[in-house]
Amino acid sequence: MLKITNAEFITSAASPSQFIKSEKPIIAVCGKSNVGKSSFINMLANRKKLAKVSKDPGRTRLVNYFDFGEFILADLPGYGFARVSKQEKQKWAKLLDVFFADKSNACHVLALADIRHLPTADDRQMIDFLYYNLLPFTVIATKADKVSKAQAAKGVKDIAAEYKCGADNVIATSAQTRFGLERVLEVIEGVITRGSADD
């Protein structure tokens, strides 16, 4: 099993010219504002404050890069936050467009969705975008500690149906209890292994 012992922040990119290239596989994390992206990254890193958790959604406006040892993690700006200007939203959308259009920016995407709710139009648009760009992705259903086991199982099925993917491609997780972490690490290990086989 993949062990992450020392994750470190590398840099932030405000424009495509600042996107980093690496020999290591780059795995992107995306999701709407307040879906629990920072908490998820901190769970992966086994650190409380690697990614800043904010009570105000829409705080991440840059692509933040972290070195996780065997791979690089790219934390993408949260989308779908109502109190952000239209101009700002367009800027983020353009940044994500350019990011996903170039396969060297990410070889796999962890797409976060709140297990308690059906995906929003913004969520579905993001997944359509990944399908369109032929980018492999795994859906991370966050906040599983906030529902019962039966509700979590239903949430996974509902999200899979909305995204037209198999339920086994949706992993229920909880940053609070670290539930689902092993399955996420298995996925990441697979990405790393495939990356080294392609070299």
N, C-alpha and C. Protein backbone atom coordinates (compact mmCIF):
# COMPACT_ATOMS: atom_id res chain seq x y z
N MET A 1 0.85 -1.21 0.00
CA MET A 1 0.00 0.00 0.00
C MET A 1 0.87 1.25 0.00
N LEU A 2 0.50 2.20 -0.83
CA LEU A 2 1.20 3.47 -0.92
C LEU A 2 1.20 4.17 0.44
N LYS A 3 2.38 4.64 0.85
CA LYS A 3 2.47 5.39 2.12
C LYS A 3 2.91 6.82 1.82
N ILE A 4 2.15 7.77 2.33
CA ILE A 4 2.51 9.18 2.14
C ILE A 4 3.06 9.67 3.46
N THR A 5 4.35 10.00 3.47
CA THR A 5 4.97 10.36 4.75
C THR A 5 5.31 11.84 4.86
N ASN A 6 5.51 12.49 3.71
CA ASN A 6 5.96 13.87 3.83
C ASN A 6 5.48 14.71 2.65
N ALA A 7 4.25 15.21 2.74
CA ALA A 7 3.70 16.04 1.66
C ALA A 7 4.04 17.50 1.93
N GLU A 8 4.43 18.20 0.89
CA GLU A 8 4.83 19.61 1.04
C GLU A 8 4.19 20.47 -0.04
N PHE A 9 3.84 21.70 0.31
CA PHE A 9 3.35 22.67 -0.67
C PHE A 9 4.52 23.07 -1.58
N ILE A 10 4.25 23.15 -2.89
CA ILE A 10 5.33 23.57 -3.82
C ILE A 10 5.14 25.02 -4.23
N THR A 11 4.02 25.30 -4.93
CA THR A 11 3.81 26.64 -5.46
C THR A 11 2.36 26.81 -5.89
N SER A 12 1.96 28.04 -6.19
CA SER A 12 0.63 28.32 -6.74
C SER A 12 0.78 28.89 -8.14
N ALA A 13 -0.14 28.51 -9.03
CA ALA A 13 -0.11 29.03 -10.40
C ALA A 13 -1.36 29.88 -10.63
N ALA A 14 -1.15 31.12 -11.06
CA ALA A 14 -2.28 32.03 -11.31
C ALA A 14 -2.62 32.06 -12.80
N SER A 15 -1.71 31.55 -13.63
CA SER A 15 -1.94 31.55 -15.07
C SER A 15 -1.30 30.31 -15.69
N PRO A 16 -1.73 29.91 -16.90
CA PRO A 16 -1.20 28.70 -17.52
C PRO A 16 0.32 28.67 -17.66
N SER A 17 0.94 29.84 -17.81
CA SER A 17 2.40 29.87 -17.96
C SER A 17 3.10 29.39 -16.68
N GLN A 18 2.35 29.39 -15.57
CA GLN A 18 2.94 28.97 -14.29
C GLN A 18 2.63 27.51 -13.94
N PHE A 19 1.83 26.81 -14.78
CA PHE A 19 1.57 25.39 -14.52
C PHE A 19 2.89 24.65 -14.50
N ILE A 20 3.06 23.75 -13.53
CA ILE A 20 4.35 23.07 -13.46
C ILE A 20 4.32 21.76 -14.26
N LYS A 21 5.48 21.40 -14.78
CA LYS A 21 5.67 20.12 -15.47
C LYS A 21 6.55 19.27 -14.56
N SER A 22 6.28 17.97 -14.56
CA SER A 22 7.04 17.11 -13.66
C SER A 22 7.22 15.72 -14.27
N GLU A 23 8.32 15.08 -13.90
CA GLU A 23 8.55 13.68 -14.28
C GLU A 23 7.56 12.79 -13.52
N LYS A 24 7.16 13.25 -12.34
CA LYS A 24 6.22 12.47 -11.53
C LYS A 24 4.81 12.62 -12.10
N PRO A 25 3.93 11.61 -11.87
CA PRO A 25 2.55 11.80 -12.30
C PRO A 25 1.90 12.96 -11.55
N ILE A 26 1.09 13.75 -12.26
CA ILE A 26 0.35 14.84 -11.63
C ILE A 26 -1.12 14.43 -11.55
N ILE A 27 -1.65 14.42 -10.34
CA ILE A 27 -3.05 14.06 -10.10
C ILE A 27 -3.79 15.32 -9.65
N ALA A 28 -4.86 15.65 -10.37
CA ALA A 28 -5.61 16.88 -10.04
C ALA A 28 -6.79 16.56 -9.13
N VAL A 29 -7.12 17.51 -8.26
CA VAL A 29 -8.30 17.39 -7.40
C VAL A 29 -9.23 18.56 -7.75
N CYS A 30 -10.48 18.22 -8.10
CA CYS A 30 -11.41 19.29 -8.43
C CYS A 30 -12.74 19.06 -7.70
N GLY A 31 -13.52 20.12 -7.58
CA GLY A 31 -14.82 20.01 -6.91
C GLY A 31 -15.38 21.39 -6.68
N LYS A 32 -16.68 21.43 -6.40
CA LYS A 32 -17.28 22.75 -6.20
C LYS A 32 -16.87 23.32 -4.83
N SER A 33 -17.02 24.60 -4.70
CA SER A 33 -16.67 25.27 -3.45
C SER A 33 -17.39 24.61 -2.28
N ASN A 34 -16.67 24.42 -1.19
CA ASN A 34 -17.24 23.86 0.04
C ASN A 34 -17.54 22.37 -0.01
N VAL A 35 -16.97 21.66 -0.99
CA VAL A 35 -17.22 20.21 -1.07
C VAL A 35 -16.28 19.44 -0.12
N GLY A 36 -15.28 20.15 0.40
CA GLY A 36 -14.35 19.51 1.34
C GLY A 36 -13.01 19.14 0.71
N LYS A 37 -12.61 19.96 -0.28
CA LYS A 37 -11.36 19.67 -1.00
C LYS A 37 -10.13 19.77 -0.09
N SER A 38 -10.04 20.86 0.67
CA SER A 38 -8.87 21.04 1.54
C SER A 38 -8.81 19.95 2.60
N SER A 39 -9.96 19.61 3.18
CA SER A 39 -10.00 18.55 4.20
C SER A 39 -9.57 17.22 3.60
N PHE A 40 -9.99 16.96 2.36
CA PHE A 40 -9.63 15.72 1.66
C PHE A 40 -8.11 15.66 1.44
N ILE A 41 -7.54 16.77 0.99
CA ILE A 41 -6.09 16.82 0.74
C ILE A 41 -5.32 16.62 2.04
N ASN A 42 -5.80 17.24 3.11
CA ASN A 42 -5.15 17.08 4.42
C ASN A 42 -5.23 15.64 4.91
N MET A 43 -6.36 14.96 4.64
CA MET A 43 -6.49 13.55 5.01
C MET A 43 -5.46 12.71 4.24
N LEU A 44 -5.34 12.98 2.94
CA LEU A 44 -4.37 12.25 2.11
C LEU A 44 -2.95 12.43 2.64
N ALA A 45 -2.65 13.67 3.01
CA ALA A 45 -1.30 14.01 3.46
C ALA A 45 -1.03 13.59 4.91
N ASN A 46 -2.12 13.24 5.62
CA ASN A 46 -2.02 12.96 7.06
C ASN A 46 -1.47 14.16 7.82
N ARG A 47 -1.92 15.35 7.37
CA ARG A 47 -1.52 16.60 8.02
C ARG A 47 -2.74 17.49 8.16
N LYS A 48 -2.82 18.21 9.27
CA LYS A 48 -4.04 19.01 9.52
C LYS A 48 -4.10 20.28 8.69
N LYS A 49 -2.95 20.86 8.38
CA LYS A 49 -3.00 22.21 7.79
C LYS A 49 -2.18 22.35 6.52
N LEU A 50 -2.00 21.25 5.77
CA LEU A 50 -1.24 21.38 4.51
C LEU A 50 -2.02 22.27 3.54
N ALA A 51 -3.29 21.93 3.33
CA ALA A 51 -4.17 22.78 2.52
C ALA A 51 -5.03 23.58 3.48
N LYS A 52 -5.15 24.86 3.21
CA LYS A 52 -5.89 25.73 4.15
C LYS A 52 -7.40 25.49 4.02
N VAL A 53 -8.02 25.14 5.12
CA VAL A 53 -9.47 24.93 5.14
C VAL A 53 -10.11 26.28 5.44
N SER A 54 -11.06 26.67 4.60
CA SER A 54 -11.69 27.97 4.79
C SER A 54 -13.19 27.82 5.01
N LYS A 55 -13.71 28.64 5.90
CA LYS A 55 -15.17 28.65 6.11
C LYS A 55 -15.85 29.41 4.96
N ASP A 56 -15.08 30.23 4.26
CA ASP A 56 -15.63 31.00 3.13
C ASP A 56 -15.39 30.24 1.83
N PRO A 57 -16.44 29.73 1.19
CA PRO A 57 -16.22 29.02 -0.06
C PRO A 57 -15.64 29.94 -1.12
N GLY A 58 -14.99 29.34 -2.10
CA GLY A 58 -14.48 30.12 -3.22
C GLY A 58 -13.16 30.82 -2.93
N ARG A 59 -12.44 30.35 -1.91
CA ARG A 59 -11.19 31.01 -1.56
C ARG A 59 -10.03 30.59 -2.48
N THR A 60 -10.06 29.34 -2.96
CA THR A 60 -8.96 28.87 -3.80
C THR A 60 -9.15 29.39 -5.22
N ARG A 61 -8.34 30.36 -5.60
CA ARG A 61 -8.49 30.95 -6.94
C ARG A 61 -7.30 30.62 -7.81
N LEU A 62 -6.40 29.80 -7.30
CA LEU A 62 -5.18 29.45 -8.01
C LEU A 62 -5.11 27.93 -8.12
N VAL A 63 -4.21 27.45 -8.96
CA VAL A 63 -3.90 26.02 -8.95
C VAL A 63 -2.75 25.85 -7.94
N ASN A 64 -3.03 25.16 -6.84
CA ASN A 64 -2.01 24.95 -5.81
C ASN A 64 -1.39 23.57 -5.96
N TYR A 65 -0.06 23.53 -6.00
CA TYR A 65 0.66 22.27 -6.21
C TYR A 65 1.30 21.77 -4.92
N PHE A 66 1.19 20.46 -4.68
CA PHE A 66 1.80 19.83 -3.51
C PHE A 66 2.62 18.62 -3.96
N ASP A 67 3.78 18.47 -3.35
CA ASP A 67 4.63 17.30 -3.63
C ASP A 67 4.29 16.21 -2.62
N PHE A 68 3.76 15.09 -3.11
CA PHE A 68 3.38 13.98 -2.24
C PHE A 68 4.39 12.84 -2.32
N GLY A 69 5.60 13.15 -2.75
CA GLY A 69 6.63 12.11 -2.82
C GLY A 69 6.63 11.43 -4.17
N GLU A 70 5.73 10.44 -4.34
CA GLU A 70 5.71 9.69 -5.60
C GLU A 70 4.83 10.34 -6.66
N PHE A 71 4.10 11.37 -6.27
CA PHE A 71 3.26 12.08 -7.25
C PHE A 71 3.10 13.53 -6.83
N ILE A 72 2.66 14.35 -7.79
CA ILE A 72 2.35 15.75 -7.52
C ILE A 72 0.82 15.88 -7.49
N LEU A 73 0.31 16.62 -6.52
CA LEU A 73 -1.13 16.85 -6.46
C LEU A 73 -1.40 18.30 -6.85
N ALA A 74 -2.33 18.49 -7.80
CA ALA A 74 -2.71 19.85 -8.23
C ALA A 74 -4.12 20.13 -7.73
N ASP A 75 -4.24 21.07 -6.82
CA ASP A 75 -5.54 21.45 -6.23
C ASP A 75 -6.11 22.57 -7.08
N LEU A 76 -7.23 22.29 -7.76
CA LEU A 76 -7.81 23.25 -8.70
C LEU A 76 -8.81 24.17 -8.01
N PRO A 77 -9.03 25.36 -8.57
CA PRO A 77 -9.98 26.30 -7.95
C PRO A 77 -11.38 25.69 -7.85
N GLY A 78 -12.04 25.90 -6.72
CA GLY A 78 -13.42 25.43 -6.56
C GLY A 78 -14.33 26.19 -7.51
N TYR A 79 -15.38 25.53 -7.98
CA TYR A 79 -16.29 26.18 -8.92
C TYR A 79 -17.70 26.26 -8.32
N GLY A 80 -18.55 27.05 -8.98
CA GLY A 80 -19.97 27.06 -8.61
C GLY A 80 -20.31 27.88 -7.38
N PHE A 81 -19.47 28.84 -7.02
CA PHE A 81 -19.79 29.65 -5.84
C PHE A 81 -20.54 30.92 -6.25
N ALA A 82 -21.71 31.11 -5.68
CA ALA A 82 -22.63 32.17 -6.13
C ALA A 82 -22.09 33.59 -5.90
N ARG A 83 -21.36 33.80 -4.81
CA ARG A 83 -20.99 35.19 -4.47
C ARG A 83 -19.73 35.66 -5.18
N VAL A 84 -19.35 34.98 -6.23
CA VAL A 84 -18.17 35.40 -6.99
C VAL A 84 -18.65 36.08 -8.27
N SER A 85 -17.99 37.15 -8.67
CA SER A 85 -18.43 37.88 -9.85
C SER A 85 -18.35 37.01 -11.11
N LYS A 86 -19.18 37.38 -12.08
CA LYS A 86 -19.23 36.63 -13.35
C LYS A 86 -17.85 36.64 -14.01
N GLN A 87 -17.20 37.77 -13.93
CA GLN A 87 -15.86 37.93 -14.52
C GLN A 87 -14.87 36.95 -13.88
N GLU A 88 -14.96 36.85 -12.56
CA GLU A 88 -14.08 35.94 -11.81
C GLU A 88 -14.35 34.49 -12.21
N LYS A 89 -15.65 34.15 -12.33
CA LYS A 89 -16.03 32.79 -12.73
C LYS A 89 -15.47 32.45 -14.11
N GLN A 90 -15.57 33.41 -15.02
CA GLN A 90 -15.06 33.18 -16.38
C GLN A 90 -13.55 32.96 -16.37
N LYS A 91 -12.89 33.72 -15.50
CA LYS A 91 -11.43 33.59 -15.37
C LYS A 91 -11.06 32.18 -14.89
N TRP A 92 -11.78 31.70 -13.89
CA TRP A 92 -11.52 30.34 -13.38
C TRP A 92 -11.79 29.31 -14.46
N ALA A 93 -12.93 29.48 -15.17
CA ALA A 93 -13.32 28.51 -16.20
C ALA A 93 -12.24 28.43 -17.28
N LYS A 94 -11.71 29.58 -17.66
CA LYS A 94 -10.66 29.63 -18.69
C LYS A 94 -9.40 28.91 -18.19
N LEU A 95 -9.07 29.16 -16.93
CA LEU A 95 -7.88 28.52 -16.33
C LEU A 95 -8.04 26.99 -16.36
N LEU A 96 -9.23 26.50 -15.99
CA LEU A 96 -9.48 25.06 -15.98
C LEU A 96 -9.50 24.49 -17.39
N ASP A 97 -10.07 25.25 -18.33
CA ASP A 97 -10.09 24.82 -19.75
C ASP A 97 -8.68 24.52 -20.23
N VAL A 98 -7.80 25.48 -20.02
CA VAL A 98 -6.42 25.34 -20.49
C VAL A 98 -5.72 24.21 -19.74
N PHE A 99 -5.99 24.10 -18.45
CA PHE A 99 -5.35 23.07 -17.63
C PHE A 99 -5.68 21.68 -18.17
N PHE A 100 -6.96 21.41 -18.40
CA PHE A 100 -7.38 20.06 -18.83
C PHE A 100 -7.07 19.77 -20.28
N ALA A 101 -6.93 20.81 -21.10
CA ALA A 101 -6.69 20.59 -22.53
C ALA A 101 -5.31 19.97 -22.79
N ASP A 102 -4.37 20.19 -21.87
CA ASP A 102 -3.01 19.66 -22.03
C ASP A 102 -2.81 18.48 -21.08
N LYS A 103 -2.69 17.28 -21.64
CA LYS A 103 -2.61 16.05 -20.82
C LYS A 103 -1.40 16.04 -19.88
N SER A 104 -0.38 16.85 -20.19
CA SER A 104 0.80 16.84 -19.32
C SER A 104 0.52 17.57 -18.00
N ASN A 105 -0.63 18.28 -17.92
CA ASN A 105 -0.97 18.98 -16.68
C ASN A 105 -1.57 18.05 -15.63
N ALA A 106 -2.16 16.93 -16.08
CA ALA A 106 -2.72 15.95 -15.14
C ALA A 106 -2.97 14.64 -15.88
N CYS A 107 -2.61 13.52 -15.24
CA CYS A 107 -2.85 12.22 -15.88
C CYS A 107 -4.09 11.54 -15.28
N HIS A 108 -4.60 12.07 -14.16
CA HIS A 108 -5.78 11.50 -13.52
C HIS A 108 -6.42 12.61 -12.68
N VAL A 109 -7.75 12.55 -12.56
CA VAL A 109 -8.46 13.57 -11.80
C VAL A 109 -9.29 12.91 -10.69
N LEU A 110 -9.20 13.46 -9.50
CA LEU A 110 -10.07 13.05 -8.39
C LEU A 110 -11.16 14.12 -8.32
N ALA A 111 -12.37 13.75 -8.74
CA ALA A 111 -13.48 14.71 -8.81
C ALA A 111 -14.35 14.55 -7.56
N LEU A 112 -14.39 15.59 -6.73
CA LEU A 112 -15.10 15.50 -5.45
C LEU A 112 -16.57 15.90 -5.59
N ALA A 113 -17.44 15.14 -4.91
CA ALA A 113 -18.87 15.43 -4.87
C ALA A 113 -19.36 15.17 -3.45
N ASP A 114 -20.30 15.97 -2.99
CA ASP A 114 -20.87 15.80 -1.64
C ASP A 114 -21.86 14.63 -1.66
N ILE A 115 -21.59 13.61 -0.86
CA ILE A 115 -22.39 12.38 -0.86
C ILE A 115 -23.85 12.63 -0.48
N ARG A 116 -24.11 13.77 0.20
CA ARG A 116 -25.47 14.05 0.70
C ARG A 116 -26.40 14.63 -0.36
N HIS A 117 -25.83 15.08 -1.47
CA HIS A 117 -26.64 15.78 -2.48
C HIS A 117 -26.40 15.22 -3.87
N LEU A 118 -27.40 15.37 -4.73
CA LEU A 118 -27.19 15.03 -6.13
C LEU A 118 -26.23 16.06 -6.74
N PRO A 119 -25.40 15.65 -7.70
CA PRO A 119 -24.49 16.61 -8.33
C PRO A 119 -25.25 17.79 -8.94
N THR A 120 -24.64 18.96 -8.88
CA THR A 120 -25.22 20.18 -9.45
C THR A 120 -24.93 20.23 -10.94
N ALA A 121 -25.51 21.22 -11.61
CA ALA A 121 -25.24 21.43 -13.04
C ALA A 121 -23.74 21.69 -13.24
N ASP A 122 -23.12 22.44 -12.31
CA ASP A 122 -21.67 22.72 -12.41
C ASP A 122 -20.86 21.42 -12.28
N ASP A 123 -21.29 20.54 -11.37
CA ASP A 123 -20.61 19.25 -11.20
C ASP A 123 -20.68 18.44 -12.49
N ARG A 124 -21.90 18.36 -13.04
CA ARG A 124 -22.09 17.55 -14.26
C ARG A 124 -21.29 18.12 -15.42
N GLN A 125 -21.21 19.44 -15.48
CA GLN A 125 -20.43 20.10 -16.53
C GLN A 125 -18.95 19.72 -16.41
N MET A 126 -18.46 19.69 -15.18
CA MET A 126 -17.06 19.32 -14.95
C MET A 126 -16.80 17.88 -15.42
N ILE A 127 -17.70 16.95 -15.07
CA ILE A 127 -17.54 15.55 -15.47
C ILE A 127 -17.64 15.41 -16.99
N ASP A 128 -18.57 16.14 -17.62
CA ASP A 128 -18.68 16.12 -19.09
C ASP A 128 -17.37 16.58 -19.72
N PHE A 129 -16.78 17.58 -19.08
CA PHE A 129 -15.52 18.14 -19.54
C PHE A 129 -14.40 17.08 -19.50
N LEU A 130 -14.39 16.29 -18.41
CA LEU A 130 -13.37 15.23 -18.28
C LEU A 130 -13.60 14.14 -19.32
N TYR A 131 -14.87 13.78 -19.55
CA TYR A 131 -15.18 12.80 -20.60
C TYR A 131 -14.71 13.33 -21.96
N TYR A 132 -15.04 14.60 -22.23
CA TYR A 132 -14.72 15.22 -23.52
C TYR A 132 -13.21 15.21 -23.77
N ASN A 133 -12.43 15.49 -22.71
CA ASN A 133 -10.97 15.54 -22.85
C ASN A 133 -10.30 14.18 -22.64
N LEU A 134 -11.14 13.13 -22.51
CA LEU A 134 -10.63 11.75 -22.32
C LEU A 134 -9.67 11.64 -21.15
N LEU A 135 -10.02 12.34 -20.06
CA LEU A 135 -9.17 12.31 -18.87
C LEU A 135 -9.70 11.27 -17.88
N PRO A 136 -8.89 10.29 -17.49
CA PRO A 136 -9.36 9.32 -16.50
C PRO A 136 -9.66 10.02 -15.17
N PHE A 137 -10.76 9.60 -14.54
CA PHE A 137 -11.09 10.23 -13.26
C PHE A 137 -11.71 9.21 -12.30
N THR A 138 -11.61 9.54 -11.01
CA THR A 138 -12.28 8.79 -9.96
C THR A 138 -13.11 9.79 -9.17
N VAL A 139 -14.34 9.42 -8.86
CA VAL A 139 -15.21 10.33 -8.08
C VAL A 139 -15.01 10.05 -6.59
N ILE A 140 -14.75 11.10 -5.84
CA ILE A 140 -14.61 11.01 -4.39
C ILE A 140 -15.86 11.61 -3.76
N ALA A 141 -16.67 10.77 -3.13
CA ALA A 141 -17.90 11.25 -2.48
C ALA A 141 -17.55 11.61 -1.04
N THR A 142 -17.53 12.91 -0.75
CA THR A 142 -17.06 13.40 0.56
C THR A 142 -18.19 13.42 1.60
N LYS A 143 -17.77 13.60 2.86
CA LYS A 143 -18.67 13.82 4.00
C LYS A 143 -19.55 12.60 4.32
N ALA A 144 -19.00 11.39 4.12
CA ALA A 144 -19.76 10.16 4.38
C ALA A 144 -20.08 9.99 5.87
N ASP A 145 -19.32 10.69 6.75
CA ASP A 145 -19.59 10.58 8.20
C ASP A 145 -20.90 11.28 8.57
N LYS A 146 -21.41 12.12 7.67
CA LYS A 146 -22.61 12.90 8.00
C LYS A 146 -23.91 12.15 7.63
N VAL A 147 -23.79 10.94 7.09
CA VAL A 147 -24.98 10.16 6.72
C VAL A 147 -24.85 8.73 7.24
N SER A 148 -25.95 7.98 7.24
CA SER A 148 -25.90 6.58 7.67
C SER A 148 -25.25 5.73 6.56
N LYS A 149 -24.91 4.49 6.89
CA LYS A 149 -24.31 3.60 5.88
C LYS A 149 -25.23 3.41 4.69
N ALA A 150 -26.52 3.24 4.97
CA ALA A 150 -27.50 3.04 3.88
C ALA A 150 -27.59 4.29 3.00
N GLN A 151 -27.59 5.46 3.64
CA GLN A 151 -27.64 6.72 2.87
C GLN A 151 -26.36 6.91 2.05
N ALA A 152 -25.22 6.50 2.63
CA ALA A 152 -23.95 6.61 1.90
C ALA A 152 -23.97 5.72 0.66
N ALA A 153 -24.47 4.49 0.82
CA ALA A 153 -24.55 3.56 -0.32
C ALA A 153 -25.47 4.12 -1.41
N LYS A 154 -26.59 4.72 -0.98
CA LYS A 154 -27.52 5.33 -1.94
C LYS A 154 -26.87 6.53 -2.62
N GLY A 155 -26.15 7.34 -1.83
CA GLY A 155 -25.47 8.52 -2.37
C GLY A 155 -24.48 8.13 -3.46
N VAL A 156 -23.70 7.06 -3.22
CA VAL A 156 -22.72 6.57 -4.20
C VAL A 156 -23.44 6.16 -5.49
N LYS A 157 -24.55 5.40 -5.34
CA LYS A 157 -25.32 4.94 -6.51
C LYS A 157 -25.88 6.12 -7.30
N ASP A 158 -26.44 7.09 -6.57
CA ASP A 158 -27.06 8.25 -7.23
C ASP A 158 -26.02 9.07 -8.00
N ILE A 159 -24.86 9.29 -7.38
CA ILE A 159 -23.80 10.06 -8.05
C ILE A 159 -23.31 9.31 -9.29
N ALA A 160 -23.11 8.00 -9.17
CA ALA A 160 -22.67 7.18 -10.31
C ALA A 160 -23.68 7.27 -11.46
N ALA A 161 -24.97 7.22 -11.11
CA ALA A 161 -26.01 7.31 -12.15
C ALA A 161 -25.98 8.67 -12.84
N GLU A 162 -25.82 9.74 -12.06
CA GLU A 162 -25.77 11.10 -12.62
C GLU A 162 -24.57 11.27 -13.54
N TYR A 163 -23.46 10.66 -13.15
CA TYR A 163 -22.21 10.82 -13.91
C TYR A 163 -22.01 9.75 -14.99
N LYS A 164 -22.99 8.81 -15.08
CA LYS A 164 -22.91 7.73 -16.07
C LYS A 164 -21.60 6.94 -15.95
N CYS A 165 -21.25 6.61 -14.71
CA CYS A 165 -20.06 5.78 -14.47
C CYS A 165 -20.45 4.65 -13.53
N GLY A 166 -19.58 3.67 -13.37
CA GLY A 166 -19.87 2.56 -12.47
C GLY A 166 -19.79 3.00 -11.02
N ALA A 167 -20.60 2.37 -10.16
CA ALA A 167 -20.57 2.71 -8.73
C ALA A 167 -19.20 2.41 -8.13
N ASP A 168 -18.45 1.49 -8.74
CA ASP A 168 -17.10 1.19 -8.21
C ASP A 168 -16.11 2.30 -8.54
N ASN A 169 -16.53 3.26 -9.37
CA ASN A 169 -15.66 4.41 -9.68
C ASN A 169 -15.99 5.60 -8.77
N VAL A 170 -16.85 5.36 -7.77
CA VAL A 170 -17.20 6.39 -6.79
C VAL A 170 -16.80 5.89 -5.41
N ILE A 171 -15.91 6.61 -4.74
CA ILE A 171 -15.41 6.18 -3.43
C ILE A 171 -15.97 7.08 -2.34
N ALA A 172 -16.74 6.49 -1.42
CA ALA A 172 -17.25 7.25 -0.28
C ALA A 172 -16.11 7.50 0.71
N THR A 173 -15.95 8.75 1.15
CA THR A 173 -14.86 9.09 2.07
C THR A 173 -15.35 10.01 3.18
N SER A 174 -14.58 10.06 4.25
CA SER A 174 -14.80 11.04 5.32
C SER A 174 -13.45 11.54 5.80
N ALA A 175 -13.24 12.85 5.70
CA ALA A 175 -11.99 13.42 6.19
C ALA A 175 -11.93 13.34 7.72
N GLN A 176 -13.11 13.32 8.35
CA GLN A 176 -13.17 13.27 9.82
C GLN A 176 -12.71 11.92 10.36
N THR A 177 -13.21 10.84 9.75
CA THR A 177 -12.92 9.49 10.27
C THR A 177 -11.85 8.76 9.44
N ARG A 178 -11.43 9.37 8.32
CA ARG A 178 -10.46 8.78 7.38
C ARG A 178 -11.04 7.55 6.67
N PHE A 179 -12.36 7.42 6.70
CA PHE A 179 -13.04 6.35 6.00
C PHE A 179 -12.79 6.50 4.49
N GLY A 180 -12.50 5.39 3.81
CA GLY A 180 -12.30 5.42 2.35
C GLY A 180 -10.89 5.74 1.92
N LEU A 181 -10.03 6.13 2.88
CA LEU A 181 -8.66 6.54 2.53
C LEU A 181 -7.88 5.43 1.82
N GLU A 182 -8.02 4.19 2.30
CA GLU A 182 -7.26 3.08 1.69
C GLU A 182 -7.62 2.89 0.23
N ARG A 183 -8.91 2.99 -0.07
CA ARG A 183 -9.34 2.83 -1.47
C ARG A 183 -8.80 3.95 -2.35
N VAL A 184 -8.76 5.16 -1.81
CA VAL A 184 -8.21 6.29 -2.57
C VAL A 184 -6.72 6.06 -2.84
N LEU A 185 -6.00 5.60 -1.81
CA LEU A 185 -4.57 5.33 -1.98
C LEU A 185 -4.31 4.22 -3.00
N GLU A 186 -5.21 3.24 -3.04
CA GLU A 186 -5.09 2.17 -4.05
C GLU A 186 -5.21 2.74 -5.46
N VAL A 187 -6.17 3.65 -5.64
CA VAL A 187 -6.36 4.29 -6.95
C VAL A 187 -5.11 5.07 -7.34
N ILE A 188 -4.59 5.85 -6.39
CA ILE A 188 -3.39 6.66 -6.66
C ILE A 188 -2.20 5.76 -6.99
N GLU A 189 -2.08 4.67 -6.24
CA GLU A 189 -0.98 3.71 -6.50
C GLU A 189 -1.09 3.16 -7.92
N GLY A 190 -2.31 2.86 -8.35
CA GLY A 190 -2.53 2.39 -9.72
C GLY A 190 -2.10 3.40 -10.76
N VAL A 191 -2.41 4.68 -10.49
CA VAL A 191 -2.03 5.77 -11.41
C VAL A 191 -0.51 5.86 -11.50
N ILE A 192 0.16 5.79 -10.35
CA ILE A 192 1.63 5.86 -10.31
C ILE A 192 2.25 4.69 -11.07
N THR A 193 1.71 3.50 -10.84
CA THR A 193 2.22 2.28 -11.49
C THR A 193 2.06 2.38 -13.00
N ARG A 194 0.88 2.83 -13.43
CA ARG A 194 0.65 2.98 -14.89
C ARG A 194 1.59 4.03 -15.48
N GLY A 195 1.81 5.11 -14.70
CA GLY A 195 2.70 6.17 -15.17
C GLY A 195 4.11 5.67 -15.39
N SER A 196 4.61 4.85 -14.46
CA SER A 196 5.98 4.33 -14.60
C SER A 196 6.06 3.28 -15.72
N ALA A 197 4.94 2.57 -15.97
CA ALA A 197 4.92 1.57 -17.05
C ALA A 197 4.95 2.26 -18.41
N ASP A 198 4.36 3.48 -18.46
CA ASP A 198 4.33 4.24 -19.73
C ASP A 198 5.67 4.88 -20.09
N ASP A 199 6.54 5.07 -19.08
CA ASP A 199 7.82 5.75 -19.31
C ASP A 199 8.73 4.93 -20.20
